C-alpha atoms as a PDB file:
ATOM      1  CA  MET A   1      28.073  44.231  11.006  1.00  0.00           C
ATOM      2  CA  PRO A   2      27.735  41.613  13.742  1.00  0.00           C
ATOM      3  CA  ILE A   3      25.282  38.748  13.284  1.00  0.00           C
ATOM      4  CA  GLY A   4      22.492  38.687  15.841  1.00  0.00           C
ATOM      5  CA  ARG A   5      21.743  35.588  17.896  1.00  0.00           C
ATOM      6  CA  ARG A   6      18.395  34.935  16.165  1.00  0.00           C
ATOM      7  CA  THR A   7      19.931  35.317  12.707  1.00  0.00           C
ATOM      8  CA  PHE A   8      22.748  32.927  13.616  1.00  0.00           C
ATOM      9  CA  ILE A   9      20.360  30.295  15.038  1.00  0.00           C
ATOM     10  CA  ALA A  10      18.037  30.531  12.022  1.00  0.00           C
ATOM     11  CA  GLY A  11      20.968  30.239   9.611  1.00  0.00           C
ATOM     12  CA  ALA A  12      22.511  27.335  11.509  1.00  0.00           C
ATOM     13  CA  SER A  13      19.169  25.505  11.630  1.00  0.00           C
ATOM     14  CA  ALA A  14      18.708  25.915   7.884  1.00  0.00           C
ATOM     15  CA  SER A  15      22.243  24.655   7.245  1.00  0.00           C
ATOM     16  CA  ILE A  16      21.680  21.567   9.402  1.00  0.00           C
ATOM     17  CA  GLY A  17      18.435  20.845   7.561  1.00  0.00           C
ATOM     18  CA  LEU A  18      20.242  21.051   4.218  1.00  0.00           C
ATOM     19  CA  ALA A  19      22.982  18.735   5.467  1.00  0.00           C
ATOM     20  CA  LEU A  20      20.455  16.120   6.553  1.00  0.00           C
ATOM     21  CA  THR A  21      18.524  15.977   3.278  1.00  0.00           C
ATOM     22  CA  ARG A  22      19.760  13.899   0.365  1.00  0.00           C
ATOM     23  CA  PRO A  23      20.885  15.960  -2.654  1.00  0.00           C
ATOM     24  CA  ALA A  24      18.402  15.833  -5.539  1.00  0.00           C
ATOM     25  CA  CYS A  25      21.009  14.229  -7.808  1.00  0.00           C
ATOM     26  CA  ALA A  26      21.825  11.408  -5.368  1.00  0.00           C
ATOM     27  CA  GLN A  27      20.267   8.053  -6.153  1.00  0.00           C
ATOM     28  CA  SER A  28      19.662   5.026  -4.042  1.00  0.00           C
ATOM     29  CA  ARG A  29      21.792   1.985  -4.815  1.00  0.00           C
ATOM     30  CA  ILE A  30      21.232  -1.725  -4.335  1.00  0.00           C
ATOM     31  CA  LYS A  31      23.366  -4.696  -5.315  1.00  0.00           C
ATOM     32  CA  ILE A  32      21.778  -7.645  -7.097  1.00  0.00           C
ATOM     33  CA  ARG A  33      22.603  -9.933  -4.177  1.00  0.00           C
ATOM     34  CA  ASP A  34      20.575  -7.632  -1.877  1.00  0.00           C
ATOM     35  CA  LEU A  35      17.354  -7.904  -3.911  1.00  0.00           C
ATOM     36  CA  TYR A  36      16.385 -11.151  -2.180  1.00  0.00           C
ATOM     37  CA  LYS A  37      15.913 -12.024   1.484  1.00  0.00           C
ATOM     38  CA  THR A  38      15.776 -15.719   0.548  1.00  0.00           C
ATOM     39  CA  GLN A  39      15.767 -17.502  -2.823  1.00  0.00           C
ATOM     40  CA  ALA A  40      11.966 -17.123  -2.960  1.00  0.00           C
ATOM     41  CA  GLU A  41      11.416 -13.808  -1.126  1.00  0.00           C
ATOM     42  CA  PHE A  42      12.421 -10.243  -1.995  1.00  0.00           C
ATOM     43  CA  SER A  43      14.266  -8.181   0.600  1.00  0.00           C
ATOM     44  CA  ALA A  44      12.546  -5.375   2.498  1.00  0.00           C
ATOM     45  CA  GLU A  45      14.893  -2.894   0.798  1.00  0.00           C
ATOM     46  CA  ALA A  46      13.936  -4.140  -2.681  1.00  0.00           C
ATOM     47  CA  LYS A  47      10.223  -4.024  -1.813  1.00  0.00           C
ATOM     48  CA  ALA A  48      10.602  -0.450  -0.559  1.00  0.00           C
ATOM     49  CA  PHE A  49      12.374   0.656  -3.755  1.00  0.00           C
ATOM     50  CA  ALA A  50       9.738  -1.000  -5.933  1.00  0.00           C
ATOM     51  CA  ALA A  51       6.895   0.592  -3.939  1.00  0.00           C
ATOM     52  CA  SER A  52       8.470   4.063  -4.088  1.00  0.00           C
ATOM     53  CA  ARG A  53       9.127   3.927  -7.861  1.00  0.00           C
ATOM     54  CA  GLU A  54      12.232   6.040  -7.237  1.00  0.00           C
ATOM     55  CA  ILE A  55      15.154   5.862  -9.631  1.00  0.00           C
ATOM     56  CA  ILE A  56      17.840   3.536  -8.280  1.00  0.00           C
ATOM     57  CA  THR A  57      21.219   2.281  -9.439  1.00  0.00           C
ATOM     58  CA  VAL A  58      22.329  -1.339  -9.649  1.00  0.00           C
ATOM     59  CA  PRO A  59      25.919  -2.325 -10.466  1.00  0.00           C
ATOM     60  CA  GLY A  60      26.631  -5.481 -12.446  1.00  0.00           C
ATOM     61  CA  PHE A  61      27.564  -6.868 -15.846  1.00  0.00           C
ATOM     62  CA  MET A  62      25.722  -6.989 -19.169  1.00  0.00           C
ATOM     63  CA  ALA A  63      25.097 -10.528 -20.384  1.00  0.00           C
ATOM     64  CA  PRO A  64      25.695 -11.009 -24.117  1.00  0.00           C
ATOM     65  CA  PRO A  65      22.658  -9.669 -26.023  1.00  0.00           C
ATOM     66  CA  LEU A  66      20.131 -12.105 -27.425  1.00  0.00           C
ATOM     67  CA  LYS A  67      19.589  -9.970 -30.529  1.00  0.00           C
ATOM     68  CA  ALA A  68      20.964  -6.863 -32.210  1.00  0.00           C
ATOM     69  CA  ASP A  69      19.210  -3.495 -31.953  1.00  0.00           C
ATOM     70  CA  ALA A  70      17.422  -4.427 -28.745  1.00  0.00           C
ATOM     71  CA  SER A  71      16.165  -2.054 -26.069  1.00  0.00           C
ATOM     72  CA  PHE A  72      16.774  -4.558 -23.291  1.00  0.00           C
ATOM     73  CA  PHE A  73      19.495  -6.662 -21.734  1.00  0.00           C
ATOM     74  CA  VAL A  74      20.099  -8.953 -18.780  1.00  0.00           C
ATOM     75  CA  LEU A  75      22.120  -7.511 -15.904  1.00  0.00           C
ATOM     76  CA  THR A  76      24.112 -10.130 -14.016  1.00  0.00           C
ATOM     77  CA  GLN A  77      25.866 -10.153 -10.665  1.00  0.00           C
ATOM     78  CA  ARG A  78      29.002 -11.739 -12.127  1.00  0.00           C
ATOM     79  CA  PRO A  79      30.375 -11.720 -15.683  1.00  0.00           C
ATOM     80  CA  MET A  80      28.656 -14.391 -17.812  1.00  0.00           C
ATOM     81  CA  ALA A  81      29.783 -15.318 -21.302  1.00  0.00           C
ATOM     82  CA  VAL A  82      26.295 -16.595 -22.221  1.00  0.00           C
ATOM     83  CA  CYS A  83      22.879 -15.121 -21.448  1.00  0.00           C
ATOM     84  CA  PRO A  84      21.343 -16.648 -18.310  1.00  0.00           C
ATOM     85  CA  PHE A  85      17.740 -16.088 -19.495  1.00  0.00           C
ATOM     86  CA  CYS A  86      15.250 -18.776 -18.514  1.00  0.00           C
ATOM     87  CA  GLU A  87      11.830 -19.526 -20.006  1.00  0.00           C
ATOM     88  CA  THR A  88       9.768 -19.469 -16.810  1.00  0.00           C
ATOM     89  CA  SER A  89       9.862 -17.449 -13.644  1.00  0.00           C
ATOM     90  CA  ALA A  90      10.139 -20.678 -11.645  1.00  0.00           C
ATOM     91  CA  ASP A  91      13.668 -21.037 -13.028  1.00  0.00           C
ATOM     92  CA  TRP A  92      14.548 -17.339 -12.695  1.00  0.00           C
ATOM     93  CA  PRO A  93      18.016 -17.058 -11.085  1.00  0.00           C
ATOM     94  CA  SER A  94      18.304 -14.712  -8.111  1.00  0.00           C
ATOM     95  CA  ASP A  95      21.443 -13.104  -9.520  1.00  0.00           C
ATOM     96  CA  ILE A  96      20.049 -11.454 -12.686  1.00  0.00           C
ATOM     97  CA  VAL A  97      17.792  -8.501 -13.532  1.00  0.00           C
ATOM     98  CA  PHE A  98      15.875  -7.928 -16.783  1.00  0.00           C
ATOM     99  CA  VAL A  99      16.598  -4.359 -17.938  1.00  0.00           C
ATOM    100  CA  ARG A 100      14.273  -2.465 -20.297  1.00  0.00           C
ATOM    101  CA  THR A 101      16.135   0.590 -21.630  1.00  0.00           C
ATOM    102  CA  ARG A 102      14.949   3.898 -23.021  1.00  0.00           C
ATOM    103  CA  ASP A 103      17.028   3.475 -26.176  1.00  0.00           C
ATOM    104  CA  THR A 104      18.637   0.743 -28.252  1.00  0.00           C
ATOM    105  CA  VAL A 105      21.442  -0.930 -26.316  1.00  0.00           C
ATOM    106  CA  ASP A 106      25.024  -0.716 -27.509  1.00  0.00           C
ATOM    107  CA  ALA A 107      26.351  -3.955 -26.061  1.00  0.00           C
ATOM    108  CA  VAL A 108      29.525  -3.942 -23.998  1.00  0.00           C
ATOM    109  CA  ALA A 109      31.913  -6.795 -23.268  1.00  0.00           C
ATOM    110  CA  PHE A 110      30.401  -9.258 -20.781  1.00  0.00           C
ATOM    111  CA  ASN A 111      33.267  -8.719 -18.312  1.00  0.00           C
ATOM    112  CA  ARG A 112      33.082  -4.883 -18.176  1.00  0.00           C
ATOM    113  CA  PRO A 113      31.353  -3.613 -15.012  1.00  0.00           C
ATOM    114  CA  ILE A 114      28.450  -1.239 -15.566  1.00  0.00           C
ATOM    115  CA  ILE A 115      26.081   0.773 -13.421  1.00  0.00           C
ATOM    116  CA  THR A 116      22.439   0.608 -14.475  1.00  0.00           C
ATOM    117  CA  THR A 117      19.899   3.230 -13.454  1.00  0.00           C
ATOM    118  CA  GLY A 118      16.128   2.791 -13.591  1.00  0.00           C
ATOM    119  CA  ILE A 119      12.895   2.047 -11.743  1.00  0.00           C
ATOM    120  CA  LEU A 120      12.739  -1.294  -9.932  1.00  0.00           C
ATOM    121  CA  GLU A 121       9.771  -3.590 -10.521  1.00  0.00           C
ATOM    122  CA  LEU A 122       9.256  -6.870  -8.677  1.00  0.00           C
ATOM    123  CA  GLY A 123       6.984  -9.847  -9.307  1.00  0.00           C
ATOM    124  CA  GLU A 124       6.299 -12.082 -12.260  1.00  0.00           C
ATOM    125  CA  ALA A 125       5.735 -10.237 -15.537  1.00  0.00           C
ATOM    126  CA  LYS A 126       5.904 -11.120 -19.215  1.00  0.00           C
ATOM    127  CA  ASP A 127       7.570  -8.572 -21.475  1.00  0.00           C
ATOM    128  CA  GLU A 128       5.276  -7.896 -24.445  1.00  0.00           C
ATOM    129  CA  GLU A 129       8.064  -7.307 -26.974  1.00  0.00           C
ATOM    130  CA  THR A 130      10.334 -10.212 -26.065  1.00  0.00           C
ATOM    131  CA  GLY A 131       7.996 -12.695 -24.406  1.00  0.00           C
ATOM    132  CA  PHE A 132      10.519 -12.983 -21.532  1.00  0.00           C
ATOM    133  CA  VAL A 133       9.100 -13.817 -18.130  1.00  0.00           C
ATOM    134  CA  SER A 134      10.948 -12.103 -15.295  1.00  0.00           C
ATOM    135  CA  LEU A 135      10.723 -11.641 -11.553  1.00  0.00           C
ATOM    136  CA  VAL A 136      12.976  -8.557 -11.263  1.00  0.00           C
ATOM    137  CA  ARG A 137      13.133  -5.675 -13.725  1.00  0.00           C
ATOM    138  CA  LEU A 138      14.662  -2.238 -14.095  1.00  0.00           C
ATOM    139  CA  VAL A 139      12.525  -0.168 -16.455  1.00  0.00           C
ATOM    140  CA  ASP A 140      13.041   3.159 -18.179  1.00  0.00           C
ATOM    141  CA  ALA A 141      16.706   2.352 -17.652  1.00  0.00           C
ATOM    142  CA  GLN A 142      20.071   3.482 -18.880  1.00  0.00           C
ATOM    143  CA  PHE A 143      23.603   2.326 -18.120  1.00  0.00           C
ATOM    144  CA  GLU A 144      27.195   3.464 -18.185  1.00  0.00           C
ATOM    145  CA  LEU A 145      30.582   1.827 -17.826  1.00  0.00           C
ATOM    146  CA  ILE A 146      32.167   2.043 -14.403  1.00  0.00           C
END
């Protein structure tokens, strides 16, 4: 049975619409270096992700844990053999992210690349459990080895 012109146009339009929308499983991705516009200012992309509260992915490396059985870690841009955590946000490096996980973290070697998924939060905040002060956080996060 031949396809009519209207049926073809309607089907083609629907297919184009599907092709232009992002699949539900796709997630936005940002690199740590792209979180900041300058040392003291967040990038427009980071601000948009934080405002949207969408789940994003951030590649990096897990710094060595500060304690066992923790539900947090520090994500770094480059492998670091020691944790880069600082006591105040004024000293917060622009190449790390505080990550609050859903579950207890099974630490991985500091030089193994990981991809971390969570909700981006920006601005100074003090973590109630750890007392850490951070400027950039991924919350409700999880990670996997790349």
